Protein backbone atom coordinates (compact mmCIF):
# COMPACT_ATOMS: atom_id res chain seq x y z
CA UNK A 1 0.76 -6.29 44.08
CA UNK A 2 3.16 -9.31 44.44
CA UNK A 3 6.41 -8.81 45.11
CA UNK A 4 9.59 -10.61 46.10
CA UNK A 5 12.03 -9.18 48.69
CA UNK A 6 15.36 -10.66 49.52
CA UNK A 7 16.39 -9.78 53.14
CA UNK A 8 19.89 -11.31 53.59
CA UNK A 9 19.18 -14.95 53.22
CA UNK A 10 15.45 -15.07 53.82
CA UNK A 11 12.97 -14.21 50.86
CA UNK A 12 9.23 -12.87 51.29
CA UNK A 13 6.29 -12.60 49.42
CA UNK A 14 4.13 -9.78 49.63
CA UNK A 15 0.49 -10.21 48.29
CA UNK A 16 -1.81 -7.34 47.58
CA UNK A 17 -4.35 -6.11 45.05
CA UNK A 18 -3.18 -7.40 41.49
CA UNK A 19 -4.43 -6.14 38.02
CA UNK A 20 -5.31 -8.06 35.23
CA UNK A 21 -2.39 -8.05 32.79
CA UNK A 22 -2.90 -6.33 28.96
CA UNK A 23 -0.73 -9.33 27.09
CA UNK A 24 -1.41 -12.74 25.35
CA UNK A 25 -0.08 -15.90 27.15
CA UNK A 26 3.35 -16.58 27.03
CA UNK A 27 5.62 -19.92 27.25
CA UNK A 28 8.38 -18.99 29.54
CA UNK A 29 11.58 -20.83 30.89
CA UNK A 30 12.37 -19.31 34.56
CA UNK A 31 15.86 -20.37 35.56
CA UNK A 32 17.08 -19.86 39.06
CA UNK A 33 19.27 -21.90 41.82
CA UNK A 34 16.81 -21.28 44.41
CA UNK A 35 13.78 -23.54 44.22
CA UNK A 36 11.69 -20.61 46.09
CA UNK A 37 12.29 -18.06 43.71
CA UNK A 38 11.59 -20.19 41.01
CA UNK A 39 8.29 -21.22 42.52
CA UNK A 40 7.42 -17.63 43.48
CA UNK A 41 8.06 -16.39 39.93
CA UNK A 42 6.29 -19.25 38.58
CA UNK A 43 3.29 -18.43 40.39
CA UNK A 44 3.69 -14.88 39.81
CA UNK A 45 3.45 -15.84 35.91
CA UNK A 46 0.71 -18.35 35.91
CA UNK A 47 -1.19 -15.86 37.78
CA UNK A 48 -1.08 -13.91 34.30
CA UNK A 49 -1.89 -16.78 32.54
CA UNK A 50 1.49 -17.98 31.14
CA UNK A 51 2.60 -21.42 30.86
CA UNK A 52 5.88 -21.41 32.99
CA UNK A 53 8.77 -24.24 33.25
CA UNK A 54 11.36 -24.03 35.40
CA UNK A 55 15.04 -25.13 35.58
CA UNK A 56 17.63 -24.88 38.54
CA UNK A 57 20.91 -24.10 36.78
CA UNK A 58 22.10 -23.25 33.17
CA UNK A 59 22.81 -26.60 32.15
CA UNK A 60 19.28 -27.65 32.95
CA UNK A 61 18.04 -24.62 31.24
CA UNK A 62 19.84 -25.33 27.91
CA UNK A 63 18.82 -28.67 27.80
CA UNK A 64 15.09 -27.31 28.27
CA UNK A 65 15.49 -24.66 25.63
CA UNK A 66 16.88 -27.30 23.14
CA UNK A 67 13.68 -29.46 23.19
CA UNK A 68 11.14 -26.67 23.85
CA UNK A 69 9.66 -23.43 22.51
CA UNK A 70 9.77 -20.40 24.49
CA UNK A 71 8.72 -16.96 24.16
CA UNK A 72 10.77 -15.70 26.93
CA UNK A 73 13.63 -17.07 29.17
CA UNK A 74 13.95 -15.28 32.78
CA UNK A 75 17.10 -16.32 34.53
CA UNK A 76 18.96 -15.20 37.89
CA UNK A 77 22.43 -13.69 37.50
CA UNK A 78 24.35 -15.23 40.35
CA UNK A 79 24.07 -18.85 39.70
CA UNK A 80 26.92 -21.55 40.50
CA UNK A 81 28.36 -23.12 37.51
CA UNK A 82 26.84 -20.98 34.70
CA UNK A 83 25.95 -17.56 35.71
CA UNK A 84 22.78 -15.67 33.92
CA UNK A 85 24.68 -13.62 31.41
CA UNK A 86 26.62 -16.83 30.23
CA UNK A 87 23.39 -18.69 29.68
CA UNK A 88 21.79 -15.58 28.22
CA UNK A 89 25.11 -15.41 25.74
CA UNK A 90 24.52 -19.54 25.08
CA UNK A 91 20.71 -19.18 24.51
CA UNK A 92 21.53 -16.14 21.93
CA UNK A 93 24.10 -18.31 20.16
CA UNK A 94 21.53 -20.92 19.47
CA UNK A 95 18.76 -18.65 18.83
CA UNK A 96 19.66 -14.78 18.14
CA UNK A 97 16.02 -13.55 18.23
CA UNK A 98 15.41 -15.26 21.83
CA UNK A 99 14.18 -12.76 24.37
CA UNK A 100 16.08 -12.98 27.58
CA UNK A 101 15.45 -11.19 30.73
CA UNK A 102 17.67 -11.27 33.72
CA UNK A 103 16.69 -10.97 37.46
CA UNK A 104 19.50 -9.83 39.64
CA UNK A 105 20.35 -8.09 43.25
CA UNK A 106 23.27 -6.92 41.38
CA UNK A 107 21.75 -4.75 38.56
CA UNK A 108 23.31 -1.47 39.43
CA UNK A 109 26.66 -2.86 39.70
CA UNK A 110 26.38 -4.69 36.27
CA UNK A 111 24.93 -1.77 34.59
CA UNK A 112 27.73 0.71 36.17
CA UNK A 113 30.53 -1.62 35.36
CA UNK A 114 30.65 -0.44 31.75
CA UNK A 115 30.72 -4.54 30.73
CA UNK A 116 27.57 -5.40 28.29
CA UNK A 117 25.63 -7.94 29.17
CA UNK A 118 25.61 -10.25 26.01
CA UNK A 119 22.28 -11.95 25.26
CA UNK A 120 20.34 -9.83 27.98
CA UNK A 121 17.51 -7.85 26.63
CA UNK A 122 16.19 -6.67 30.09
CA UNK A 123 17.33 -6.33 33.75
CA UNK A 124 15.23 -6.45 36.60
CA UNK A 125 16.76 -5.52 39.91
CA UNK A 126 15.51 -7.53 42.89
CA UNK A 127 13.20 -6.79 44.90
CA UNK A 128 10.83 -6.80 42.20
CA UNK A 129 7.23 -6.76 41.73
CA UNK A 130 4.79 -8.38 39.34
CA UNK A 131 4.18 -5.38 37.51
CA UNK A 132 8.15 -5.17 36.89
CA UNK A 133 7.72 -8.70 35.42
CA UNK A 134 4.73 -7.39 33.21
CA UNK A 135 6.98 -4.68 32.07
CA UNK A 136 9.72 -6.63 30.68
CA UNK A 137 7.38 -9.33 28.98
CA UNK A 138 5.78 -6.23 27.23
CA UNK A 139 9.19 -4.83 26.21
CA UNK A 140 11.00 -7.72 25.11
CA UNK A 141 8.52 -10.34 23.55
CA UNK A 142 7.90 -9.74 19.73
CA UNK A 143 5.85 -6.36 19.89
CA UNK A 144 8.59 -4.32 21.63
CA UNK A 145 12.00 -5.96 21.77
CA UNK A 146 14.71 -3.37 22.56
CA UNK A 147 18.39 -3.54 21.31
CA UNK A 148 20.05 -2.91 24.39
CA UNK A 149 19.35 -3.95 27.99
CA UNK A 150 17.38 -1.87 30.51
CA UNK A 151 17.12 -1.91 33.81
CA UNK A 152 13.97 -1.49 35.87
């Protein structure tokens, strides 16, 4: 098991036994303003054989998205300047079928607010495990894209 846990301002990685994924390699863009989180998510996804690029903000992510082809974009919600839902909407405006997953500590609040998250296909609540990432990838990539955001 590999997990990212947030405790105040400290983030810890927990390692344990990890199983091999049952899906093909994907090209994934990970966006988070916290470099440690980007690196940790990249490490988890690379462990599963994915090709991962990272961006530290929405503007950088959009520039990378314009020149690169990604199977999936994974973004944090709470980022300065451009929040994750704004990034997701901008990506969907450019490429409506592009799968976007949001990772956030505010998943329950966002879901209960009644406001839709335009452009977000799946929401992962922090703290999360490698298995949560695997489930999101399996659900939103072409074999299982859903029409409305889900929370795990």
